């Protein structure tokens, strides 16, 4: 693993590999769809393709609701970024095993361990061989 961040495409490719495994459940807070949509809309330069990809992600991921308690948990957390606090709150509230992120340090106080997509892929491959 290098010290450089993987591109968003590389992260998506690695996560898509994880989704293909039958024993893996990937969840995402509904609020993250907005962020993904923004990146896709910018990438495609048009609405329809971005919406189509969002639809595909909703089929692959278990989309979790964002509740008032998550906002309150984020507000009270020690995460310096409110949005990261929301992701952390949803992960902790739903007993996630891992937060997969490009910014691993953002979640170092969470009870849910965080790792980048490359680390997650390596963990999944090791688990599948065990």
N, C-alpha and C. Protein backbone atom coordinates (compact mmCIF):
# COMPACT_ATOMS: atom_id res chain seq x y z
N UNK A 1 0.83 -1.17 0.00
CA UNK A 1 0.00 0.00 0.00
C UNK A 1 0.88 1.24 0.00
N UNK A 2 0.49 2.23 -0.76
CA UNK A 2 1.26 3.46 -0.85
C UNK A 2 0.68 4.49 0.10
N UNK A 3 1.41 5.58 0.27
CA UNK A 3 0.92 6.68 1.09
C UNK A 3 -0.04 7.57 0.33
N UNK A 4 -0.15 7.38 -0.98
CA UNK A 4 -1.04 8.20 -1.79
C UNK A 4 -2.46 7.65 -1.70
N UNK A 5 -3.41 8.57 -1.76
CA UNK A 5 -4.81 8.16 -1.77
C UNK A 5 -5.15 7.49 -3.09
N UNK A 6 -5.96 6.46 -3.01
CA UNK A 6 -6.48 5.85 -4.22
C UNK A 6 -7.48 6.80 -4.85
N UNK A 7 -7.62 6.72 -6.15
CA UNK A 7 -8.63 7.53 -6.82
C UNK A 7 -10.01 7.01 -6.44
N UNK A 8 -11.01 7.82 -6.64
CA UNK A 8 -12.37 7.40 -6.35
C UNK A 8 -12.73 6.18 -7.19
N UNK A 9 -12.31 6.16 -8.44
CA UNK A 9 -12.60 5.00 -9.30
C UNK A 9 -11.95 3.74 -8.73
N UNK A 10 -10.70 3.83 -8.29
CA UNK A 10 -10.04 2.67 -7.71
C UNK A 10 -10.79 2.18 -6.46
N UNK A 11 -11.23 3.10 -5.64
CA UNK A 11 -11.99 2.74 -4.44
C UNK A 11 -13.29 2.03 -4.82
N UNK A 12 -13.98 2.58 -5.80
CA UNK A 12 -15.24 1.97 -6.24
C UNK A 12 -14.98 0.57 -6.78
N UNK A 13 -13.95 0.41 -7.58
CA UNK A 13 -13.62 -0.91 -8.13
C UNK A 13 -13.35 -1.92 -7.02
N UNK A 14 -12.61 -1.51 -6.01
CA UNK A 14 -12.31 -2.41 -4.90
C UNK A 14 -13.57 -2.76 -4.12
N UNK A 15 -14.44 -1.79 -3.91
CA UNK A 15 -15.68 -2.06 -3.18
C UNK A 15 -16.64 -2.92 -3.99
N UNK A 16 -16.65 -2.73 -5.29
CA UNK A 16 -17.51 -3.57 -6.13
C UNK A 16 -17.07 -5.03 -6.05
N UNK A 17 -15.77 -5.24 -5.92
CA UNK A 17 -15.25 -6.59 -5.73
C UNK A 17 -15.78 -7.18 -4.42
N UNK A 18 -15.87 -6.34 -3.39
CA UNK A 18 -16.39 -6.80 -2.10
C UNK A 18 -17.88 -7.13 -2.19
N UNK A 19 -18.63 -6.32 -2.91
CA UNK A 19 -20.07 -6.54 -3.04
C UNK A 19 -20.36 -7.89 -3.68
N UNK A 20 -19.45 -8.35 -4.52
CA UNK A 20 -19.65 -9.61 -5.22
C UNK A 20 -19.56 -10.81 -4.28
N UNK A 21 -19.03 -10.63 -3.09
CA UNK A 21 -18.91 -11.74 -2.14
C UNK A 21 -20.24 -11.93 -1.42
N UNK A 22 -20.73 -13.16 -1.35
CA UNK A 22 -22.07 -13.41 -0.81
C UNK A 22 -22.22 -13.13 0.68
N UNK A 23 -21.14 -13.17 1.44
CA UNK A 23 -21.24 -13.00 2.88
C UNK A 23 -21.01 -11.57 3.36
N UNK A 24 -20.97 -10.63 2.43
CA UNK A 24 -20.68 -9.24 2.76
C UNK A 24 -21.93 -8.40 2.59
N UNK A 25 -22.25 -7.62 3.63
CA UNK A 25 -23.34 -6.64 3.55
C UNK A 25 -22.70 -5.26 3.60
N UNK A 26 -22.98 -4.47 2.60
CA UNK A 26 -22.43 -3.12 2.57
C UNK A 26 -23.57 -2.15 2.80
N UNK A 27 -23.42 -1.35 3.84
CA UNK A 27 -24.45 -0.37 4.15
C UNK A 27 -23.88 1.03 3.94
N UNK A 28 -24.78 1.94 3.69
CA UNK A 28 -24.42 3.35 3.54
C UNK A 28 -25.56 4.20 4.05
N UNK A 29 -25.24 5.30 4.72
CA UNK A 29 -26.31 6.21 5.13
C UNK A 29 -26.92 6.88 3.91
N UNK A 30 -28.20 7.10 3.95
CA UNK A 30 -28.89 7.71 2.82
C UNK A 30 -28.27 9.06 2.46
N UNK A 31 -27.73 9.75 3.44
CA UNK A 31 -27.10 11.06 3.18
C UNK A 31 -25.89 10.94 2.27
N UNK A 32 -25.23 9.78 2.27
CA UNK A 32 -24.06 9.60 1.40
C UNK A 32 -24.44 9.54 -0.07
N UNK A 33 -25.67 9.16 -0.36
CA UNK A 33 -26.11 9.13 -1.76
C UNK A 33 -26.03 10.51 -2.39
N UNK A 34 -26.30 11.53 -1.60
CA UNK A 34 -26.22 12.90 -2.10
C UNK A 34 -24.79 13.23 -2.52
N UNK A 35 -23.82 12.83 -1.69
CA UNK A 35 -22.41 13.08 -2.01
C UNK A 35 -21.99 12.32 -3.27
N UNK A 36 -22.40 11.07 -3.34
CA UNK A 36 -22.07 10.24 -4.51
C UNK A 36 -22.71 10.83 -5.76
N UNK A 37 -23.96 11.25 -5.64
CA UNK A 37 -24.65 11.84 -6.78
C UNK A 37 -23.89 13.07 -7.28
N UNK A 38 -23.44 13.91 -6.38
CA UNK A 38 -22.72 15.12 -6.76
C UNK A 38 -21.46 14.76 -7.57
N UNK A 39 -20.69 13.78 -7.09
CA UNK A 39 -19.47 13.36 -7.79
C UNK A 39 -19.81 12.76 -9.15
N UNK A 40 -20.85 11.92 -9.19
CA UNK A 40 -21.24 11.30 -10.47
C UNK A 40 -21.76 12.33 -11.46
N UNK A 41 -22.54 13.26 -10.98
CA UNK A 41 -23.10 14.31 -11.87
C UNK A 41 -21.97 15.12 -12.49
N UNK A 42 -20.98 15.44 -11.67
CA UNK A 42 -19.81 16.18 -12.17
C UNK A 42 -19.03 15.33 -13.17
N UNK A 43 -18.88 14.05 -12.87
CA UNK A 43 -18.13 13.14 -13.74
C UNK A 43 -18.81 12.98 -15.10
N UNK A 44 -20.11 12.70 -15.08
CA UNK A 44 -20.84 12.46 -16.32
C UNK A 44 -21.23 13.74 -17.05
N UNK A 45 -21.40 14.80 -16.31
CA UNK A 45 -21.83 16.06 -16.92
C UNK A 45 -23.31 16.07 -17.29
N UNK A 46 -24.03 15.07 -16.83
CA UNK A 46 -25.47 15.03 -17.12
C UNK A 46 -26.20 14.22 -16.05
N UNK A 47 -27.46 14.52 -15.94
CA UNK A 47 -28.30 14.00 -14.87
C UNK A 47 -28.61 12.50 -14.97
N UNK A 48 -29.03 12.03 -16.10
CA UNK A 48 -29.57 10.67 -16.24
C UNK A 48 -28.57 9.59 -15.83
N UNK A 49 -27.34 9.70 -16.31
CA UNK A 49 -26.33 8.68 -15.98
C UNK A 49 -26.04 8.66 -14.48
N UNK A 50 -25.99 9.83 -13.87
CA UNK A 50 -25.75 9.90 -12.42
C UNK A 50 -26.90 9.24 -11.67
N UNK A 51 -28.12 9.51 -12.07
CA UNK A 51 -29.29 8.89 -11.43
C UNK A 51 -29.29 7.37 -11.63
N UNK A 52 -28.93 6.94 -12.82
CA UNK A 52 -28.88 5.50 -13.09
C UNK A 52 -27.88 4.81 -12.15
N UNK A 53 -26.72 5.42 -11.97
CA UNK A 53 -25.72 4.84 -11.07
C UNK A 53 -26.20 4.85 -9.62
N UNK A 54 -26.88 5.90 -9.22
CA UNK A 54 -27.43 5.95 -7.85
C UNK A 54 -28.44 4.81 -7.68
N UNK A 55 -29.26 4.58 -8.69
CA UNK A 55 -30.21 3.46 -8.63
C UNK A 55 -29.50 2.13 -8.48
N UNK A 56 -28.41 1.95 -9.20
CA UNK A 56 -27.63 0.72 -9.10
C UNK A 56 -27.03 0.55 -7.71
N UNK A 57 -26.53 1.63 -7.15
CA UNK A 57 -25.95 1.56 -5.81
C UNK A 57 -27.01 1.21 -4.77
N UNK A 58 -28.22 1.73 -4.96
CA UNK A 58 -29.29 1.42 -4.01
C UNK A 58 -29.68 -0.05 -4.07
N UNK A 59 -29.44 -0.70 -5.20
CA UNK A 59 -29.68 -2.14 -5.31
C UNK A 59 -28.58 -2.95 -4.64
N UNK A 60 -27.35 -2.45 -4.67
CA UNK A 60 -26.21 -3.17 -4.13
C UNK A 60 -26.00 -2.95 -2.63
N UNK A 61 -26.28 -1.74 -2.17
CA UNK A 61 -26.03 -1.37 -0.78
C UNK A 61 -27.30 -1.44 0.03
N UNK A 62 -27.14 -1.69 1.31
CA UNK A 62 -28.23 -1.58 2.26
C UNK A 62 -28.24 -0.12 2.72
N UNK A 63 -29.15 0.66 2.20
CA UNK A 63 -29.19 2.09 2.51
C UNK A 63 -29.89 2.28 3.85
N UNK A 64 -29.18 2.88 4.79
CA UNK A 64 -29.71 3.08 6.13
C UNK A 64 -30.24 4.50 6.29
N UNK A 65 -31.34 4.64 7.01
CA UNK A 65 -31.92 5.97 7.20
C UNK A 65 -31.05 6.85 8.09
N UNK A 66 -31.18 8.12 7.89
CA UNK A 66 -30.52 9.10 8.75
C UNK A 66 -31.58 9.61 9.72
N UNK A 67 -31.32 9.43 10.99
CA UNK A 67 -32.29 9.78 12.02
C UNK A 67 -31.80 10.99 12.81
N UNK A 68 -32.72 11.60 13.50
CA UNK A 68 -32.36 12.74 14.35
C UNK A 68 -31.28 12.35 15.35
N UNK A 69 -31.35 11.14 15.89
CA UNK A 69 -30.34 10.72 16.87
C UNK A 69 -28.94 10.70 16.26
N UNK A 70 -28.85 10.42 14.97
CA UNK A 70 -27.53 10.42 14.31
C UNK A 70 -26.96 11.84 14.25
N UNK A 71 -27.81 12.79 13.96
CA UNK A 71 -27.37 14.19 13.95
C UNK A 71 -26.91 14.60 15.35
N UNK A 72 -27.66 14.19 16.36
CA UNK A 72 -27.29 14.52 17.74
C UNK A 72 -25.99 13.81 18.15
N UNK A 73 -25.84 12.56 17.73
CA UNK A 73 -24.60 11.84 18.02
C UNK A 73 -23.41 12.53 17.35
N UNK A 74 -23.61 12.99 16.11
CA UNK A 74 -22.54 13.68 15.40
C UNK A 74 -22.19 14.99 16.10
N UNK A 75 -23.21 15.71 16.50
CA UNK A 75 -23.00 16.99 17.19
C UNK A 75 -22.19 16.80 18.47
N UNK A 76 -22.49 15.73 19.20
CA UNK A 76 -21.81 15.49 20.49
C UNK A 76 -20.48 14.76 20.33
N UNK A 77 -20.19 14.26 19.14
CA UNK A 77 -18.97 13.47 18.96
C UNK A 77 -17.72 14.35 18.92
N UNK A 78 -16.59 13.68 18.94
CA UNK A 78 -15.31 14.39 18.84
C UNK A 78 -14.79 14.43 17.40
N UNK A 79 -15.67 14.08 16.44
CA UNK A 79 -15.27 14.20 15.04
C UNK A 79 -15.20 15.69 14.68
N UNK A 80 -14.10 16.12 14.08
CA UNK A 80 -13.99 17.53 13.73
C UNK A 80 -14.91 17.94 12.58
N UNK A 81 -15.36 16.97 11.79
CA UNK A 81 -16.22 17.25 10.65
C UNK A 81 -17.61 16.67 10.93
N UNK A 82 -18.65 17.50 10.88
CA UNK A 82 -20.00 17.06 11.20
C UNK A 82 -20.45 15.92 10.29
N UNK A 83 -20.14 16.02 9.00
CA UNK A 83 -20.53 14.97 8.05
C UNK A 83 -19.87 13.63 8.40
N UNK A 84 -18.59 13.66 8.76
CA UNK A 84 -17.92 12.43 9.20
C UNK A 84 -18.58 11.91 10.47
N UNK A 85 -19.01 12.82 11.33
CA UNK A 85 -19.71 12.42 12.55
C UNK A 85 -21.01 11.70 12.25
N UNK A 86 -21.71 12.13 11.20
CA UNK A 86 -22.95 11.47 10.79
C UNK A 86 -22.65 10.04 10.33
N UNK A 87 -21.63 9.90 9.49
CA UNK A 87 -21.25 8.57 9.00
C UNK A 87 -20.87 7.68 10.18
N UNK A 88 -20.09 8.22 11.07
CA UNK A 88 -19.69 7.47 12.27
C UNK A 88 -20.91 7.06 13.09
N UNK A 89 -21.84 7.98 13.30
CA UNK A 89 -23.04 7.70 14.11
C UNK A 89 -23.87 6.58 13.48
N UNK A 90 -24.07 6.64 12.17
CA UNK A 90 -24.85 5.60 11.49
C UNK A 90 -24.13 4.26 11.58
N UNK A 91 -22.81 4.27 11.40
CA UNK A 91 -22.04 3.03 11.49
C UNK A 91 -22.12 2.43 12.90
N UNK A 92 -21.94 3.26 13.91
CA UNK A 92 -21.98 2.77 15.28
C UNK A 92 -23.39 2.30 15.65
N UNK A 93 -24.39 3.06 15.25
CA UNK A 93 -25.78 2.74 15.57
C UNK A 93 -26.25 1.45 14.90
N UNK A 94 -25.64 1.11 13.77
CA UNK A 94 -26.03 -0.10 13.03
C UNK A 94 -25.04 -1.25 13.20
N UNK A 95 -24.17 -1.13 14.19
CA UNK A 95 -23.20 -2.18 14.51
C UNK A 95 -22.36 -2.61 13.31
N UNK A 96 -21.89 -1.63 12.55
CA UNK A 96 -21.02 -1.92 11.40
C UNK A 96 -19.69 -2.49 11.90
N UNK A 97 -19.08 -3.32 11.09
CA UNK A 97 -17.77 -3.87 11.42
C UNK A 97 -16.65 -2.91 11.01
N UNK A 98 -16.86 -2.19 9.91
CA UNK A 98 -15.81 -1.35 9.34
C UNK A 98 -16.43 -0.13 8.69
N UNK A 99 -15.75 1.00 8.79
CA UNK A 99 -16.06 2.17 7.97
C UNK A 99 -15.00 2.22 6.88
N UNK A 100 -15.43 2.12 5.64
CA UNK A 100 -14.49 2.20 4.52
C UNK A 100 -14.49 3.64 4.04
N UNK A 101 -13.31 4.24 4.02
CA UNK A 101 -13.20 5.67 3.76
C UNK A 101 -11.87 5.98 3.10
N UNK A 102 -11.83 7.11 2.44
CA UNK A 102 -10.56 7.59 1.89
C UNK A 102 -9.78 8.35 2.96
N UNK A 103 -10.45 8.71 4.06
CA UNK A 103 -9.83 9.49 5.14
C UNK A 103 -9.90 8.70 6.45
N UNK A 104 -9.05 7.71 6.57
CA UNK A 104 -9.08 6.80 7.71
C UNK A 104 -8.92 7.53 9.04
N UNK A 105 -8.09 8.54 9.06
CA UNK A 105 -7.84 9.27 10.31
C UNK A 105 -9.08 9.98 10.83
N UNK A 106 -10.04 10.24 9.95
CA UNK A 106 -11.24 10.97 10.37
C UNK A 106 -12.03 10.21 11.43
N UNK A 107 -11.89 8.93 11.50
CA UNK A 107 -12.72 8.11 12.38
C UNK A 107 -11.93 7.41 13.48
N UNK A 108 -10.77 7.93 13.84
CA UNK A 108 -9.91 7.20 14.78
C UNK A 108 -10.48 7.12 16.20
N UNK A 109 -11.50 7.90 16.54
CA UNK A 109 -12.13 7.79 17.86
C UNK A 109 -13.38 6.91 17.84
N UNK A 110 -13.76 6.43 16.69
CA UNK A 110 -14.98 5.64 16.57
C UNK A 110 -14.79 4.25 17.17
N UNK A 111 -15.87 3.68 17.65
CA UNK A 111 -15.83 2.28 18.11
C UNK A 111 -15.81 1.32 16.92
N UNK A 112 -16.11 1.83 15.73
CA UNK A 112 -16.05 1.05 14.49
C UNK A 112 -14.71 1.35 13.84
N UNK A 113 -13.94 0.31 13.56
CA UNK A 113 -12.63 0.56 12.95
C UNK A 113 -12.82 1.09 11.54
N UNK A 114 -11.86 1.88 11.10
CA UNK A 114 -11.92 2.43 9.75
C UNK A 114 -10.71 1.97 8.96
N UNK A 115 -10.92 1.86 7.65
CA UNK A 115 -9.83 1.47 6.76
C UNK A 115 -10.15 1.98 5.36
N UNK A 116 -9.12 2.07 4.56
CA UNK A 116 -9.37 2.48 3.18
C UNK A 116 -9.79 1.26 2.36
N UNK A 117 -10.19 1.49 1.13
CA UNK A 117 -10.72 0.42 0.28
C UNK A 117 -9.69 -0.68 0.05
N UNK A 118 -8.43 -0.30 -0.09
CA UNK A 118 -7.38 -1.28 -0.32
C UNK A 118 -7.19 -2.19 0.90
N UNK A 119 -7.21 -1.60 2.09
CA UNK A 119 -7.11 -2.39 3.31
C UNK A 119 -8.32 -3.31 3.47
N UNK A 120 -9.50 -2.79 3.14
CA UNK A 120 -10.72 -3.58 3.24
C UNK A 120 -10.66 -4.77 2.29
N UNK A 121 -10.22 -4.55 1.08
CA UNK A 121 -10.10 -5.64 0.11
C UNK A 121 -9.16 -6.71 0.63
N UNK A 122 -8.01 -6.30 1.17
CA UNK A 122 -7.04 -7.26 1.71
C UNK A 122 -7.66 -8.06 2.85
N UNK A 123 -8.41 -7.40 3.71
CA UNK A 123 -9.07 -8.09 4.82
C UNK A 123 -10.09 -9.10 4.29
N UNK A 124 -10.86 -8.70 3.31
CA UNK A 124 -11.87 -9.60 2.73
C UNK A 124 -11.23 -10.80 2.06
N UNK A 125 -10.14 -10.57 1.36
CA UNK A 125 -9.43 -11.69 0.71
C UNK A 125 -8.87 -12.64 1.75
N UNK A 126 -8.32 -12.10 2.83
CA UNK A 126 -7.78 -12.95 3.89
C UNK A 126 -8.90 -13.76 4.54
N UNK A 127 -10.04 -13.12 4.78
CA UNK A 127 -11.19 -13.83 5.38
C UNK A 127 -11.73 -14.91 4.47
N UNK A 128 -11.72 -14.66 3.17
CA UNK A 128 -12.27 -15.65 2.24
C UNK A 128 -11.37 -16.88 2.12
N UNK A 129 -10.07 -16.71 2.44
CA UNK A 129 -9.14 -17.83 2.37
C UNK A 129 -9.11 -18.62 3.67
N UNK A 130 -9.65 -18.03 4.72
CA UNK A 130 -9.63 -18.69 6.06
C UNK A 130 -10.69 -19.77 6.16
